[in-house]
Each structure stands twice: as C-alpha cells, then as structure tokens.
Amino acid sequence: MAGFEGLRYASLGQYIPLDSPVHRADPRTKLLGLGLLVIAVALAKTYSVNLLLLVAIIALVKWARLSLRALLESVRPAWPFILALSAMQLVFYSGPDAMAHVFWAWGPLRISAASLRVVVVSLLRFADLVFLTGLLLNTTTASALTYGLERLLAPLDALGLPGHELSMVGAIALRFIPILGEAMETIIQAQASRGARVQARSRWQFLQNARRVASLIVPLFVEAYRRAEEMGLAMQARCYRGGRGRTHLVLYRLTKGDYAALGASLLLFGGILFSQCVAHWP
C-alpha cells in the first residue's frame, strides 16, 4: 500500500501551525497582497520579470517557514500532465513569432525561441501560483480565511449579494481539498485490497491512468456528498443561520506590519505593471 499513500500528506489546503510573521499577519492583508501578486504573475510575460517574481515569492515562503519541496509535492500527480502540455506547447506553438529563430524543425513540428519562451514562462507561472496558494492556505486558518473574505466582500451587501455566504463557500471549498485527497486514498486502498489494479506502472501511461481515475469518480462523489451532508447537519446543530447578525469571537486589527506588507505588494505590482505595459522590459 505504500504506493497509494501520500495524498493525505499533501500540504496544499492544510493549515500548518507555525510561528512566523506571515502566520501572524491579518487575513485581509494576505488576501489582498497575494491577490496583487497573482495579477502580477498573470501580467508577467518575460524571463526576467518572472524570475524576479519567483525569487520574491520564494522569499515569502521561506519567511513563513514553509517547505518548498512540500508545496511542489502537493501537486505531484499533476506534473505528468503539465509536462506533457509543455511539450505540446514547445513543438506546436503557432504564434506570430513562431518562425523566428527556429532551432529544430521536422514537418509541422518546430522548436523556436518563441516556443521555448512560452514554455519557460508557463512553468514559472505555475510554480508561482502553487507557492502563492500554499502560502495563503498553509498560514491561514479556516476561520481567519472566512473572516478576511467576509470583510473584503462586505461592500457587496449593499448590492444585495451575500458576502458572508460567498466567503464561507470559498473557504469550505478550499479546505475540502485535503479531505477529498484523504478520501481518494482510502478508496484506492480499499479497491486494491480487493484485487483491483488501481495503480498504473508508469505515470506516463495516460490511457491507463484515465481509466483508473474513472473508477474512482463515483465513490469519490458519494463520499464528498456524505461529507457535505455531515457538515451541513453540524452547522445546523450549531444554529448557523448565515452572516446576518453574526458576531466574531476574534476581531483582527491591521497593524503597521500589515500596512507595510500591503505597501510592498502595491510597489511590486506597480513595478511589474510598469515594466510590462510601459517600459517593455525583456
């Protein structure tokens, strides 16, 4: 069964209780700051800017005392598909600059400087998003995440939109990631104990892996619905009636460190925006 273990130990989506400045930061600061960084990642189109962002994000991860390897391991099942898509981008890229600086060509397949740039930038962006997602979820509890989202979505109440309910749904969805991973691991082990071949010999056997995943979808959905029903009953038993009139046991206050972090995020975002839209850095 050792080959089936590991899903429950994925760090993505799990809160890791540590003592760091990132853990102590206000959840609104983390949501706003990381949101600005996500937009900056989407705007960055060059090697230099993406490398700068990656270095800044890695520094934040280290500042939060998190493990880079654990964050990458949390998305290990997706790596074969990501690398396969990158290989397709590398040889099938058909942008306006696809014919410039061609390194290798064979029929409709070609590798050029433009396709290589697209692949490298895409991989850097993926790493940035994995680290940012782990940085938020590993340093923020479910209650703090809900609090931050609720406060940021509070202006929507004036438009008649349920800001608290939207934040609650988002927080629960994020926290269900490790729960569903653990449920899938249990289903895989149960099927393997009954003689089913649920583990492909290689991660690169995509057809066999697709069939293996298809056999897990129905029991996984049943388990997900069961967990959701249990959570709904637990919330009803605790007299949960939505956000109207609801108070909080812990109230967060923005500190000087929070304002400094937001200022640094705005400066970095402004620098990326200027470099890509005005200065056109390489």
Protein backbone atom coordinates (compact mmCIF):
# COMPACT_ATOMS: atom_id res chain seq x y z
CA MET A 1 0.00 0.00 0.00
CA ALA A 2 2.99 2.32 0.19
CA GLY A 3 2.47 3.35 -3.41
CA PHE A 4 -1.00 4.65 -2.61
CA GLU A 5 -0.03 6.78 0.37
CA GLY A 6 0.79 10.43 0.23
CA LEU A 7 -2.47 12.16 -0.71
CA ARG A 8 -3.36 12.82 2.89
CA TYR A 9 0.08 14.29 3.47
CA ALA A 10 -0.20 16.87 0.68
CA SER A 11 0.31 20.29 2.20
CA LEU A 12 -1.86 22.21 -0.26
CA GLY A 13 -5.03 23.29 1.52
CA GLN A 14 -3.89 22.34 5.03
CA TYR A 15 -3.11 24.84 7.77
CA ILE A 16 0.36 24.36 9.25
CA PRO A 17 0.59 25.91 12.75
CA LEU A 18 3.92 27.74 12.90
CA ASP A 19 5.14 30.98 14.41
CA SER A 20 6.10 33.35 11.62
CA PRO A 21 5.29 36.93 10.59
CA VAL A 22 3.17 35.59 7.70
CA HIS A 23 1.13 33.44 10.08
CA ARG A 24 0.53 36.42 12.35
CA ALA A 25 -0.49 38.77 9.54
CA ASP A 26 -4.10 39.86 9.17
CA PRO A 27 -6.03 37.60 6.76
CA ARG A 28 -7.19 40.65 4.80
CA THR A 29 -3.58 41.64 4.26
CA LYS A 30 -2.68 38.19 2.97
CA LEU A 31 -5.69 38.03 0.65
CA LEU A 32 -5.09 41.49 -0.83
CA GLY A 33 -1.32 41.11 -1.08
CA LEU A 34 -1.41 37.65 -2.61
CA GLY A 35 -4.22 38.74 -4.94
CA LEU A 36 -1.99 41.53 -6.26
CA LEU A 37 0.85 39.05 -6.74
CA VAL A 38 -1.43 36.68 -8.66
CA ILE A 39 -2.38 39.53 -11.03
CA ALA A 40 1.32 40.39 -11.38
CA VAL A 41 2.07 36.76 -12.29
CA ALA A 42 -0.63 36.89 -14.97
CA LEU A 43 0.82 40.12 -16.39
CA ALA A 44 4.47 38.96 -16.43
CA LYS A 45 5.44 37.77 -19.90
CA THR A 46 9.24 37.80 -19.85
CA TYR A 47 12.01 35.70 -18.30
CA SER A 48 13.45 38.46 -16.14
CA VAL A 49 10.14 39.58 -14.61
CA ASN A 50 9.01 36.01 -13.94
CA LEU A 51 12.32 35.17 -12.30
CA LEU A 52 12.04 38.30 -10.15
CA LEU A 53 8.56 37.27 -9.06
CA LEU A 54 9.67 33.72 -8.33
CA VAL A 55 12.53 34.95 -6.14
CA ALA A 56 10.19 37.28 -4.23
CA ILE A 57 7.60 34.54 -3.70
CA ILE A 58 10.25 32.01 -2.58
CA ALA A 59 11.50 34.60 -0.08
CA LEU A 60 7.95 34.91 1.29
CA VAL A 61 7.62 31.12 1.54
CA LYS A 62 10.91 30.89 3.44
CA TRP A 63 9.84 33.81 5.65
CA ALA A 64 6.72 31.79 6.53
CA ARG A 65 8.99 28.80 7.40
CA LEU A 66 7.28 26.57 4.84
CA SER A 67 8.90 23.85 2.77
CA LEU A 68 9.23 24.48 -0.96
CA ARG A 69 9.56 20.77 -1.60
CA ALA A 70 6.35 20.00 0.30
CA LEU A 71 4.45 22.58 -1.74
CA LEU A 72 5.67 21.08 -5.02
CA GLU A 73 4.94 17.57 -3.76
CA SER A 74 1.33 18.60 -3.11
CA VAL A 75 0.73 18.86 -6.88
CA ARG A 76 2.91 15.89 -7.87
CA PRO A 77 0.03 13.95 -9.52
CA ALA A 78 -0.46 16.84 -11.96
CA TRP A 79 3.17 17.10 -13.06
CA PRO A 80 2.97 14.49 -15.90
CA PHE A 81 0.05 16.36 -17.48
CA ILE A 82 1.79 19.72 -17.04
CA LEU A 83 4.98 18.45 -18.64
CA ALA A 84 3.00 16.85 -21.49
CA LEU A 85 1.21 20.14 -22.16
CA SER A 86 4.54 21.96 -22.03
CA ALA A 87 5.99 19.56 -24.60
CA MET A 88 2.99 20.18 -26.88
CA GLN A 89 3.45 23.94 -26.48
CA LEU A 90 7.12 23.58 -27.32
CA VAL A 91 6.61 21.86 -30.69
CA PHE A 92 3.15 23.09 -31.75
CA TYR A 93 3.45 26.80 -30.89
CA SER A 94 1.98 28.86 -33.74
CA GLY A 95 2.21 32.46 -32.56
CA PRO A 96 3.14 35.40 -34.78
CA ASP A 97 6.84 34.98 -33.92
CA ALA A 98 6.89 31.17 -34.21
CA MET A 99 9.10 31.19 -37.33
CA ALA A 100 11.80 33.44 -35.86
CA HIS A 101 14.97 31.80 -34.53
CA VAL A 102 13.96 28.20 -35.24
CA PHE A 103 16.31 25.72 -33.53
CA TRP A 104 14.80 22.49 -34.88
CA ALA A 105 12.06 21.63 -37.38
CA TRP A 106 10.59 18.42 -38.73
CA GLY A 107 7.39 18.68 -40.75
CA PRO A 108 4.78 20.63 -38.75
CA LEU A 109 6.87 20.31 -35.58
CA ARG A 110 9.34 23.03 -34.68
CA ILE A 111 11.19 24.37 -31.66
CA SER A 112 11.88 28.09 -31.73
CA ALA A 113 12.97 30.78 -29.33
CA ALA A 114 9.36 31.93 -29.02
CA SER A 115 8.01 28.48 -28.15
CA LEU A 116 10.81 27.97 -25.65
CA ARG A 117 9.97 31.30 -24.02
CA VAL A 118 6.28 30.38 -23.78
CA VAL A 119 7.08 27.04 -22.10
CA VAL A 120 9.54 28.53 -19.60
CA VAL A 121 7.20 31.39 -18.69
CA SER A 122 4.27 28.96 -18.28
CA LEU A 123 6.27 26.72 -15.94
CA LEU A 124 7.45 29.72 -13.91
CA ARG A 125 3.88 30.95 -13.62
CA PHE A 126 2.69 27.55 -12.48
CA ALA A 127 5.37 27.42 -9.78
CA ASP A 128 4.44 30.96 -8.67
CA LEU A 129 0.75 30.06 -8.35
CA VAL A 130 1.49 26.84 -6.43
CA PHE A 131 3.70 28.70 -3.95
CA LEU A 132 1.19 31.54 -3.55
CA THR A 133 -1.72 29.16 -2.98
CA GLY A 134 0.26 27.18 -0.42
CA LEU A 135 1.46 30.38 1.23
CA LEU A 136 -2.13 31.50 1.79
CA LEU A 137 -3.69 28.19 2.83
CA ASN A 138 -0.79 26.90 4.95
CA THR A 139 -0.59 30.09 7.02
CA THR A 140 -4.29 30.93 7.48
CA THR A 141 -6.89 29.03 9.47
CA ALA A 142 -10.34 28.36 8.03
CA SER A 143 -11.98 30.81 10.42
CA ALA A 144 -9.44 33.55 9.66
CA LEU A 145 -9.79 32.95 5.92
CA THR A 146 -13.58 33.21 6.18
CA TYR A 147 -13.23 36.38 8.27
CA GLY A 148 -10.91 38.01 5.73
CA LEU A 149 -13.07 37.10 2.75
CA GLU A 150 -16.18 38.29 4.54
CA ARG A 151 -14.63 41.66 5.36
CA LEU A 152 -13.37 42.15 1.80
CA LEU A 153 -16.75 41.17 0.32
CA ALA A 154 -18.72 43.33 2.77
CA PRO A 155 -19.36 46.08 0.16
CA LEU A 156 -21.33 43.51 -1.85
CA ASP A 157 -24.00 43.52 0.85
CA ALA A 158 -25.07 46.96 -0.34
CA LEU A 159 -25.79 45.40 -3.74
CA GLY A 160 -27.86 42.62 -2.21
CA LEU A 161 -25.20 39.94 -2.64
CA PRO A 162 -24.44 37.65 0.34
CA GLY A 163 -20.80 38.45 1.06
CA HIS A 164 -20.58 36.23 4.14
CA GLU A 165 -22.12 33.23 2.42
CA LEU A 166 -19.81 33.61 -0.59
CA SER A 167 -16.75 33.75 1.68
CA MET A 168 -17.96 30.71 3.63
CA VAL A 169 -18.45 28.70 0.43
CA GLY A 170 -14.98 29.64 -0.82
CA ALA A 171 -13.28 28.77 2.47
CA ILE A 172 -15.07 25.40 2.73
CA ALA A 173 -14.21 24.55 -0.89
CA LEU A 174 -10.51 25.23 -0.26
CA ARG A 175 -10.49 23.19 2.95
CA PHE A 176 -12.15 20.25 1.18
CA ILE A 177 -9.04 19.73 -0.98
CA PRO A 178 -7.06 17.67 1.60
CA ILE A 179 -10.25 15.97 2.83
CA LEU A 180 -11.07 14.70 -0.65
CA GLY A 181 -7.43 13.68 -1.11
CA GLU A 182 -7.63 11.54 2.01
CA ALA A 183 -10.96 10.06 0.85
CA MET A 184 -9.46 9.16 -2.54
CA GLU A 185 -6.51 7.47 -0.85
CA THR A 186 -8.90 5.39 1.27
CA ILE A 187 -10.92 4.37 -1.83
CA ILE A 188 -7.75 3.39 -3.72
CA GLN A 189 -6.53 1.24 -0.85
CA ALA A 190 -9.95 -0.41 -0.49
CA GLN A 191 -10.08 -1.28 -4.19
CA ALA A 192 -6.50 -2.57 -4.14
CA SER A 193 -7.23 -4.82 -1.14
CA ARG A 194 -9.98 -6.47 -3.23
CA GLY A 195 -7.60 -7.27 -6.07
CA ALA A 196 -8.35 -4.34 -8.39
CA ARG A 197 -5.44 -2.91 -10.37
CA VAL A 198 -5.70 0.74 -9.42
CA GLN A 199 -2.07 1.77 -9.86
CA ALA A 200 -0.53 2.14 -13.31
CA ARG A 201 3.04 1.00 -13.87
CA SER A 202 4.08 4.44 -15.05
CA ARG A 203 2.80 7.99 -14.58
CA TRP A 204 3.15 8.49 -18.33
CA GLN A 205 0.56 5.83 -19.25
CA PHE A 206 -2.20 8.39 -19.70
CA LEU A 207 -4.90 6.00 -21.01
CA GLN A 208 -4.41 3.57 -18.13
CA ASN A 209 -4.33 6.44 -15.64
CA ALA A 210 -7.55 7.88 -17.09
CA ARG A 211 -9.31 4.52 -16.69
CA ARG A 212 -8.01 4.24 -13.14
CA VAL A 213 -9.30 7.70 -12.24
CA ALA A 214 -12.69 6.98 -13.86
CA SER A 215 -13.22 4.04 -11.49
CA LEU A 216 -12.69 6.40 -8.53
CA ILE A 217 -15.06 9.19 -9.54
CA VAL A 218 -18.37 7.62 -8.43
CA PRO A 219 -17.26 6.55 -4.92
CA LEU A 220 -15.40 9.84 -4.50
CA PHE A 221 -18.55 11.84 -5.33
CA VAL A 222 -20.57 9.70 -2.91
CA GLU A 223 -18.02 10.38 -0.18
CA ALA A 224 -17.98 14.09 -0.99
CA TYR A 225 -21.78 14.31 -0.74
CA ARG A 226 -21.70 12.41 2.54
CA ARG A 227 -19.09 14.78 4.00
CA ALA A 228 -21.06 17.80 2.76
CA GLU A 229 -24.25 16.49 4.36
CA GLU A 230 -22.46 15.89 7.66
CA MET A 231 -21.05 19.41 7.58
CA GLY A 232 -24.48 20.89 6.84
CA LEU A 233 -26.03 18.99 9.76
CA ALA A 234 -23.20 20.12 12.05
CA MET A 235 -23.72 23.76 11.05
CA GLN A 236 -27.47 23.45 11.66
CA ALA A 237 -26.85 21.85 15.06
CA ARG A 238 -24.76 24.91 15.96
CA CYS A 239 -27.63 27.22 14.94
CA TYR A 240 -25.82 28.64 11.90
CA ARG A 241 -28.20 30.98 10.07
CA GLY A 242 -25.89 32.90 7.76
CA GLY A 243 -23.96 36.09 8.29
CA ARG A 244 -26.76 38.49 9.24
CA GLY A 245 -26.32 39.49 12.88
CA ARG A 246 -23.39 37.12 13.36
CA THR A 247 -20.52 38.26 15.58
CA HIS A 248 -16.91 37.07 15.81
CA LEU A 249 -15.04 35.73 18.79
CA VAL A 250 -11.73 37.11 17.47
CA LEU A 251 -11.52 40.55 15.86
CA TYR A 252 -8.46 41.34 13.75
CA ARG A 253 -6.82 44.74 13.67
CA LEU A 254 -4.48 45.96 10.95
CA THR A 255 -1.03 46.70 12.32
CA LYS A 256 1.91 48.68 10.98
CA GLY A 257 3.36 45.46 9.62
CA ASP A 258 0.14 44.81 7.68
CA TYR A 259 0.24 48.28 6.14
CA ALA A 260 3.92 47.81 5.28
CA ALA A 261 3.18 44.44 3.62
CA LEU A 262 0.34 45.97 1.59
CA GLY A 263 2.60 48.84 0.57
CA ALA A 264 5.33 46.44 -0.57
CA SER A 265 2.79 44.40 -2.54
CA LEU A 266 1.48 47.54 -4.24
CA LEU A 267 5.01 48.66 -5.11
CA LEU A 268 5.88 45.27 -6.59
CA PHE A 269 2.60 45.16 -8.51
CA GLY A 270 3.13 48.70 -9.80
CA GLY A 271 6.69 47.85 -10.85
CA ILE A 272 5.54 44.76 -12.77
CA LEU A 273 2.73 46.72 -14.42
CA PHE A 274 5.15 49.49 -15.44
CA SER A 275 7.75 47.03 -16.76
CA GLN A 276 5.26 45.15 -18.93
CA CYS A 277 2.96 47.93 -20.14
CA VAL A 278 5.26 50.97 -20.32
CA ALA A 279 8.96 50.07 -20.26
CA HIS A 280 8.57 46.67 -22.02
CA TRP A 281 11.46 45.04 -20.21
CA PRO A 282 12.92 41.90 -21.84
